[in-house]
Structures are given as structure tokens and as C-alpha cells.
Amino acid sequence: MNIKLRQLLLSVSVILFTTIIANAQNPEKIEIWPNLAPGETVREPEFVDPNVPNLPALKVTTPYLLIQRPEKQTSDACVLIMPGGGFNVCFYKNEGFPPAKYWNDRGYVTAILVYRVPRPELGPIYGPALQDAQRAVRYLRGSAEKYGINPEKIGVEGYSAGACLALLTAVNSETKTYDPIDELDKLPCNVAFAIPVYPAYVLDDGAKDPNVNKGEGASILADFHFDAKTPPMCLIHGDADIYSPLGSVEVYKRLRKMGISCELHIFAGAPHGYMFWDDLPNAQSWQDRRFAWAQKMGF
């Protein structure tokens, strides 16, 4: 996410999402690692700017889940939500709570993953975040009875960098990202479905930043393994996105070639960030489209 867009997002998020956050149910906070997260040397509190409300986590070394149950649970599926932020910050308040409320209102258990940021200096920009995501899936699978969910109906939904993370989680469940630390890590970390919304960092012309060639002629990064446990997906993007919608198109093509069901929505004129789609009559249906897809798929 570039600097100007991030600044605009920060300013509008304070206005748009204050009410949603104020009215959110009190989520259950679960630290996903029993001690230090892999590669971390100290436990630090999450760092945010105390002078500005509803802004993202600027630094996270102790990742956690925010789990919310609906007032009336009608689905045994669970939606694990991964907010964006360029792997530099984690926008869990404006790309976490609103989607969680949407799913909660429809009877789903949700879990928002506040993963480690900022990006590591060495290695893949999403390395620690993917470890956190796999551990989060295992936690939810191991706690399925507690939350009244089916361990085989845990899905991921993500936004921007979080959509990249959701994709990585969905297509890399057979990839070992950390050494097991306890009994929980004996559980599989595959997911039943994925809903990547305007995913960033999918193509090799935009591995760390916006696509330099609008995704034309680019290939999916090699770290997306598309293993045998890759699930069905619903991909959502805008054709005015600085993170090219061709990333979603290429994922769709790969899944189609593998014989895996996939639905793809690309909205004309829609930029990066669903909070900017409200003034676009053609894009306002995006939430209901992904819900209808989930229903059709049995989730």
C-alpha cells in the first residue's frame, strides 16, 4: 500500500469504522504462541499510536486472535480474517472488525488474526505472518468443539496483504514454516475455503510493492505452492487497483487448471480498499456475493 493511499485510508477509517468498533462484541483474545513466537527474542506489547483512535497495530511481536461468536450461531463454519497493511502494519480495526461483524450477523464464528508486523529485514516479507497464520488455523482446529465449529470448515478471508496471507495459507498447508513446539502443531493447517479480497504481492512484478507493469506478462510468485490441499476460492478485486487484478486472474486460472472450484469478481473502476467502493454502485454488492458463494459451497 503506497504512502498517500495509506494516509487517506487512515483518515477515513477513523470516521467510517468508529461506530462499528464501538458496537463490536467483546472478542475473546487468544495469544497463539505459548511463549515467544518463532524467531522472536522478547515479548513486547502491541504498539499503536495512543493519540489517534482506530489506527492499525504498528508493531506486533506477540500475535493473537480476536474471536467473536454470533448472537445466534447458524453455521458450523469459521471465518479466519486476515487484515491488510502491506506487512508493515496490521489494520485489524478497519479490515478486521467490520468483516467480522458481517459474518457474525449471518451466524458465523469469526477470528481476526493480528499477525506480526512490520516486515522482517531478511527473508520473505510475509514469513512471520505465515507462521502465525498456520498456527492460528491449528488453534481453531484444536478448539473446534469449544467454539461449536466443524474443524473441516475453517476458511480464510483476507484483504490486501492479508489477502496475500490468506492465499499463502490456503495453498501452502503442506509447507513447513516452523518447527513444532507442542501437541497443537501435530494438527494439519489446511483450510476449507479462501476469500482473498484485492490481494497484493501475488505476481513477480509486484513482490514487495505495487505492480510495476500492471501485472502484464507477470507470473505468480514461486512461494505460492498450490499443493494438493488447496481449497475452493472466491476472489474479489477492482480493475483500478494499484495491486493488479491480474494477480486474482492468474490465481483463478491456476485453480481452474487444477480442477478446483473458484469464483472471480472484478469490479470496474474499483480502487484498492473496499472502504472506497461505497460510492460505486457496481461494487457495493461485493460482500453479499462472497456470502452467497460461501452458502453455495456449503459453508
Protein backbone atom coordinates (compact mmCIF):
# COMPACT_ATOMS: atom_id res chain seq x y z
CA MET A 1 0.00 0.00 0.00
CA ASN A 2 1.62 3.35 -1.02
CA ILE A 3 2.05 6.23 1.41
CA LYS A 4 -0.68 8.52 0.02
CA LEU A 5 -3.25 5.73 -0.05
CA ARG A 6 -2.32 4.67 3.46
CA GLN A 7 -2.72 8.23 4.76
CA LEU A 8 -6.12 8.51 3.11
CA LEU A 9 -7.14 5.14 4.49
CA LEU A 10 -6.09 6.18 7.98
CA SER A 11 -8.10 9.39 7.84
CA VAL A 12 -11.33 7.87 6.55
CA SER A 13 -11.11 4.82 8.79
CA VAL A 14 -11.49 6.97 11.89
CA ILE A 15 -14.82 8.24 10.59
CA LEU A 16 -16.18 5.13 8.88
CA PHE A 17 -15.47 2.46 11.42
CA THR A 18 -15.69 4.12 14.86
CA THR A 19 -19.32 3.08 15.26
CA ILE A 20 -18.68 -0.49 14.13
CA ILE A 21 -15.79 -0.89 16.54
CA ALA A 22 -17.69 0.74 19.41
CA ASN A 23 -20.59 -1.63 18.87
CA ALA A 24 -18.48 -4.76 18.33
CA GLN A 25 -18.95 -7.60 20.74
CA ASN A 26 -16.16 -8.02 23.25
CA PRO A 27 -13.93 -10.50 21.44
CA GLU A 28 -12.01 -13.25 23.14
CA LYS A 29 -8.28 -12.57 22.81
CA ILE A 30 -6.06 -15.63 22.36
CA GLU A 31 -2.29 -15.40 22.07
CA ILE A 32 -1.45 -18.11 19.56
CA TRP A 33 2.07 -18.96 20.72
CA PRO A 34 2.55 -20.27 24.29
CA ASN A 35 5.79 -18.37 24.78
CA LEU A 36 7.79 -16.47 22.19
CA ALA A 37 6.77 -16.62 18.55
CA PRO A 38 9.34 -18.26 16.27
CA GLY A 39 12.40 -16.07 15.87
CA GLU A 40 11.33 -13.55 18.50
CA THR A 41 13.56 -12.79 21.47
CA VAL A 42 11.31 -10.59 23.62
CA ARG A 43 7.62 -10.29 24.42
CA GLU A 44 6.52 -6.76 23.73
CA PRO A 45 3.07 -5.18 23.96
CA GLU A 46 1.39 -4.28 20.69
CA PHE A 47 2.44 -0.79 19.65
CA VAL A 48 -0.19 1.68 18.43
CA ASP A 49 -0.36 5.46 18.38
CA PRO A 50 -2.32 6.34 21.55
CA ASN A 51 -3.16 9.79 20.19
CA VAL A 52 -5.17 8.60 17.20
CA PRO A 53 -8.15 6.23 17.60
CA ASN A 54 -8.83 3.17 15.48
CA LEU A 55 -5.42 3.06 13.77
CA PRO A 56 -3.53 -0.13 12.98
CA ALA A 57 -1.08 -2.02 15.08
CA LEU A 58 2.29 -0.56 14.12
CA LYS A 59 4.34 -3.30 15.73
CA VAL A 60 3.29 -6.78 16.84
CA THR A 61 5.70 -9.37 18.24
CA THR A 62 3.10 -11.34 20.20
CA PRO A 63 0.41 -12.27 17.63
CA TYR A 64 -3.11 -13.11 18.69
CA LEU A 65 -6.64 -13.94 17.62
CA LEU A 66 -9.76 -11.91 18.36
CA ILE A 67 -12.58 -14.46 18.35
CA GLN A 68 -16.19 -13.36 18.15
CA ARG A 69 -19.27 -15.54 18.30
CA PRO A 70 -22.58 -14.56 16.77
CA GLU A 71 -25.63 -13.90 18.92
CA LYS A 72 -27.28 -16.79 17.10
CA GLN A 73 -24.93 -19.31 15.52
CA THR A 74 -26.41 -20.81 12.36
CA SER A 75 -23.25 -22.09 10.66
CA ASP A 76 -20.63 -24.56 11.80
CA ALA A 77 -18.02 -22.82 9.65
CA CYS A 78 -15.45 -20.36 10.98
CA VAL A 79 -14.04 -17.40 9.05
CA LEU A 80 -10.43 -16.54 9.93
CA ILE A 81 -9.96 -12.89 8.89
CA MET A 82 -6.55 -11.50 7.91
CA PRO A 83 -6.37 -7.69 7.73
CA GLY A 84 -4.04 -5.81 5.40
CA GLY A 85 -1.33 -3.23 5.90
CA GLY A 86 1.47 -4.10 3.50
CA PHE A 87 3.00 -6.43 6.12
CA ASN A 88 4.23 -3.15 7.67
CA VAL A 89 1.23 -2.56 9.94
CA CYS A 90 -1.92 -4.56 10.71
CA PHE A 91 -5.24 -2.80 10.02
CA TYR A 92 -7.26 -5.10 12.24
CA LYS A 93 -9.69 -2.39 13.31
CA ASN A 94 -10.92 -1.41 9.85
CA GLU A 95 -10.22 -4.59 7.86
CA GLY A 96 -10.98 -6.94 10.74
CA PHE A 97 -13.92 -5.82 12.87
CA PRO A 98 -16.27 -4.79 10.02
CA PRO A 99 -15.92 -8.10 8.10
CA ALA A 100 -16.23 -9.99 11.37
CA LYS A 101 -19.47 -8.17 12.15
CA TYR A 102 -20.81 -9.01 8.69
CA TRP A 103 -20.18 -12.73 9.22
CA ASN A 104 -21.34 -12.67 12.86
CA ASP A 105 -24.63 -11.08 11.78
CA ARG A 106 -25.13 -14.09 9.50
CA GLY A 107 -24.45 -16.67 12.18
CA TYR A 108 -20.74 -17.39 11.72
CA VAL A 109 -17.96 -17.58 14.28
CA THR A 110 -15.07 -15.31 13.28
CA ALA A 111 -11.46 -14.95 14.31
CA ILE A 112 -9.35 -11.89 13.41
CA LEU A 113 -5.64 -12.63 13.17
CA VAL A 114 -3.39 -9.82 14.42
CA TYR A 115 -0.16 -11.14 12.95
CA ARG A 116 3.41 -9.98 13.36
CA VAL A 117 4.45 -6.70 11.77
CA PRO A 118 6.45 -4.91 10.46
CA ARG A 119 8.08 -6.90 7.68
CA PRO A 120 11.27 -8.74 8.61
CA GLU A 121 14.51 -7.24 7.31
CA LEU A 122 15.54 -10.59 5.85
CA GLY A 123 13.56 -13.29 4.08
CA PRO A 124 10.06 -13.15 2.62
CA ILE A 125 8.03 -10.12 3.69
CA TYR A 126 5.28 -12.45 4.93
CA GLY A 127 7.50 -15.04 6.64
CA PRO A 128 6.47 -14.45 10.29
CA ALA A 129 2.87 -13.72 9.29
CA LEU A 130 2.55 -17.08 7.52
CA GLN A 131 3.86 -18.86 10.61
CA ASP A 132 1.21 -17.03 12.64
CA ALA A 133 -1.50 -17.95 10.13
CA GLN A 134 -0.66 -21.65 10.17
CA ARG A 135 -0.57 -21.64 13.96
CA ALA A 136 -3.92 -19.81 14.07
CA VAL A 137 -5.56 -22.44 11.86
CA ARG A 138 -4.21 -25.17 14.11
CA TYR A 139 -5.52 -23.38 17.20
CA LEU A 140 -9.00 -23.09 15.71
CA ARG A 141 -8.94 -26.71 14.59
CA GLY A 142 -7.89 -27.83 18.06
CA SER A 143 -10.59 -25.65 19.67
CA ALA A 144 -13.40 -26.58 17.28
CA GLU A 145 -15.57 -28.15 19.97
CA LYS A 146 -15.17 -25.11 22.22
CA TYR A 147 -16.47 -22.77 19.52
CA GLY A 148 -19.06 -25.11 18.05
CA ILE A 149 -17.41 -25.24 14.65
CA ASN A 150 -16.53 -28.03 12.26
CA PRO A 151 -12.71 -28.38 12.12
CA GLU A 152 -13.07 -29.15 8.41
CA LYS A 153 -14.95 -25.88 7.78
CA ILE A 154 -12.34 -23.33 8.77
CA GLY A 155 -11.81 -20.80 6.00
CA VAL A 156 -9.64 -17.73 5.49
CA GLU A 157 -10.61 -14.27 4.29
CA GLY A 158 -8.07 -11.53 3.76
CA TYR A 159 -7.58 -8.00 2.50
CA SER A 160 -4.60 -6.63 0.54
CA ALA A 161 -1.51 -8.03 2.30
CA GLY A 162 -3.94 -10.06 4.39
CA ALA A 163 -5.40 -11.47 1.18
CA CYS A 164 -1.89 -12.42 0.12
CA LEU A 165 -1.54 -14.11 3.51
CA ALA A 166 -4.89 -15.87 3.11
CA LEU A 167 -3.78 -17.16 -0.28
CA LEU A 168 -0.44 -18.32 1.08
CA THR A 169 -2.22 -20.11 3.93
CA ALA A 170 -4.62 -21.79 1.53
CA VAL A 171 -2.04 -23.04 -0.96
CA ASN A 172 0.85 -23.88 1.41
CA SER A 173 -0.69 -26.07 4.09
CA GLU A 174 1.81 -28.82 3.30
CA THR A 175 4.73 -26.39 3.60
CA LYS A 176 6.53 -26.43 6.95
CA THR A 177 7.18 -22.88 8.10
CA TYR A 178 8.30 -23.50 11.69
CA ASP A 179 9.45 -26.33 13.94
CA PRO A 180 6.64 -27.91 16.01
CA ILE A 181 6.53 -26.73 19.60
CA ASP A 182 3.64 -28.67 21.15
CA GLU A 183 0.77 -31.08 20.53
CA LEU A 184 -1.20 -28.44 18.66
CA ASP A 185 1.38 -28.46 15.90
CA LYS A 186 0.58 -32.08 15.13
CA LEU A 187 -2.73 -30.89 13.68
CA PRO A 188 -3.00 -30.06 9.97
CA CYS A 189 -3.27 -26.42 8.91
CA ASN A 190 -5.22 -26.79 5.67
CA VAL A 191 -8.35 -24.70 5.26
CA ALA A 192 -11.72 -25.44 3.65
CA PHE A 193 -12.08 -22.24 1.64
CA ALA A 194 -10.41 -18.92 0.92
CA ILE A 195 -11.77 -15.46 0.11
CA PRO A 196 -8.90 -13.18 -0.98
CA VAL A 197 -10.12 -9.59 -1.41
CA TYR A 198 -7.84 -7.38 -3.57
CA PRO A 199 -4.72 -9.47 -2.83
CA ALA A 200 -1.32 -7.77 -3.10
CA TYR A 201 2.13 -9.29 -3.71
CA VAL A 202 0.91 -12.19 -5.83
CA LEU A 203 2.82 -11.56 -9.07
CA ASP A 204 6.55 -11.32 -9.69
CA ASP A 205 6.35 -7.72 -10.94
CA GLY A 206 4.99 -6.68 -7.54
CA ALA A 207 6.55 -8.98 -4.96
CA LYS A 208 7.03 -6.22 -2.37
CA ASP A 209 5.28 -3.16 -3.81
CA PRO A 210 2.55 -2.25 -6.33
CA ASN A 211 2.92 -3.94 -9.70
CA VAL A 212 5.39 -2.09 -11.92
CA ASN A 213 3.83 -3.27 -15.18
CA LYS A 214 0.19 -3.57 -14.08
CA GLY A 215 0.68 -7.32 -13.92
CA GLU A 216 1.01 -7.67 -17.69
CA GLY A 217 3.09 -10.72 -18.54
CA ALA A 218 3.82 -11.40 -14.86
CA SER A 219 3.75 -14.82 -13.19
CA ILE A 220 2.58 -15.98 -9.78
CA LEU A 221 5.40 -15.95 -7.25
CA ALA A 222 7.02 -19.31 -6.64
CA ASP A 223 6.16 -19.22 -2.92
CA PHE A 224 2.52 -19.92 -3.79
CA HIS A 225 2.77 -23.71 -3.99
CA PHE A 226 -0.83 -24.69 -4.81
CA ASP A 227 -0.49 -28.03 -3.06
CA ALA A 228 -2.88 -30.97 -3.01
CA LYS A 229 -4.94 -29.45 -0.17
CA THR A 230 -5.63 -26.14 -1.93
CA PRO A 231 -9.33 -25.32 -1.33
CA PRO A 232 -12.05 -23.60 -3.38
CA MET A 233 -11.82 -19.81 -3.50
CA CYS A 234 -13.82 -16.67 -4.15
CA LEU A 235 -11.57 -13.89 -5.47
CA ILE A 236 -12.64 -10.23 -5.34
CA HIS A 237 -10.74 -7.32 -6.91
CA GLY A 238 -11.11 -3.91 -8.55
CA ASP A 239 -9.81 -3.14 -12.01
CA ALA A 240 -8.44 0.24 -10.88
CA ASP A 241 -6.29 -1.33 -8.17
CA ILE A 242 -2.59 -0.45 -8.00
CA TYR A 243 -2.11 -4.08 -6.95
CA SER A 244 -3.09 -5.62 -10.24
CA PRO A 245 -6.31 -7.63 -10.51
CA LEU A 246 -4.34 -9.85 -12.87
CA GLY A 247 -3.00 -11.44 -9.69
CA SER A 248 -6.50 -12.68 -8.94
CA VAL A 249 -6.95 -13.66 -12.59
CA GLU A 250 -3.79 -15.75 -12.54
CA VAL A 251 -4.89 -17.48 -9.34
CA TYR A 252 -8.26 -18.21 -10.93
CA LYS A 253 -6.53 -19.68 -13.99
CA ARG A 254 -4.28 -21.86 -11.82
CA LEU A 255 -7.21 -23.20 -9.80
CA ARG A 256 -9.23 -23.86 -12.95
CA LYS A 257 -6.32 -25.82 -14.39
CA MET A 258 -6.19 -27.87 -11.17
CA GLY A 259 -9.93 -28.57 -11.30
CA ILE A 260 -10.60 -26.57 -8.11
CA SER A 261 -13.81 -24.55 -7.98
CA CYS A 262 -13.27 -20.80 -8.00
CA GLU A 263 -15.44 -17.71 -8.35
CA LEU A 264 -13.95 -14.42 -9.55
CA HIS A 265 -15.40 -10.90 -9.29
CA ILE A 266 -13.57 -7.88 -10.76
CA PHE A 267 -15.39 -4.58 -10.35
CA ALA A 268 -14.97 -1.82 -12.92
CA GLY A 269 -13.44 1.37 -11.55
CA ALA A 270 -12.86 -0.05 -8.07
CA PRO A 271 -9.54 1.01 -6.45
CA HIS A 272 -7.57 -0.65 -3.68
CA GLY A 273 -9.57 -0.88 -0.44
CA TYR A 274 -13.24 -1.82 -0.10
CA MET A 275 -13.89 1.29 2.00
CA PHE A 276 -13.55 3.27 -1.23
CA TRP A 277 -16.18 1.22 -3.04
CA ASP A 278 -19.24 2.67 -1.31
CA ASP A 279 -19.69 5.33 -3.99
CA LEU A 280 -19.51 2.73 -6.78
CA PRO A 281 -22.98 1.28 -7.43
CA ASN A 282 -21.47 -1.68 -9.26
CA ALA A 283 -19.20 -2.68 -6.36
CA GLN A 284 -21.48 -2.36 -3.35
CA SER A 285 -22.64 -5.95 -3.70
CA TRP A 286 -19.20 -7.44 -3.04
CA GLN A 287 -19.96 -8.59 0.50
CA ASP A 288 -23.18 -10.35 -0.43
CA ARG A 289 -21.54 -12.01 -3.41
CA ARG A 290 -18.91 -13.69 -1.30
CA PHE A 291 -21.56 -14.69 1.25
CA ALA A 292 -23.73 -16.20 -1.50
CA TRP A 293 -20.68 -18.12 -2.73
CA ALA A 294 -19.97 -19.47 0.77
CA GLN A 295 -23.58 -20.59 1.07
CA LYS A 296 -23.48 -22.32 -2.31
CA MET A 297 -20.28 -24.13 -1.33
CA GLY A 298 -21.89 -25.44 1.86
CA PHE A 299 -20.18 -23.19 4.35
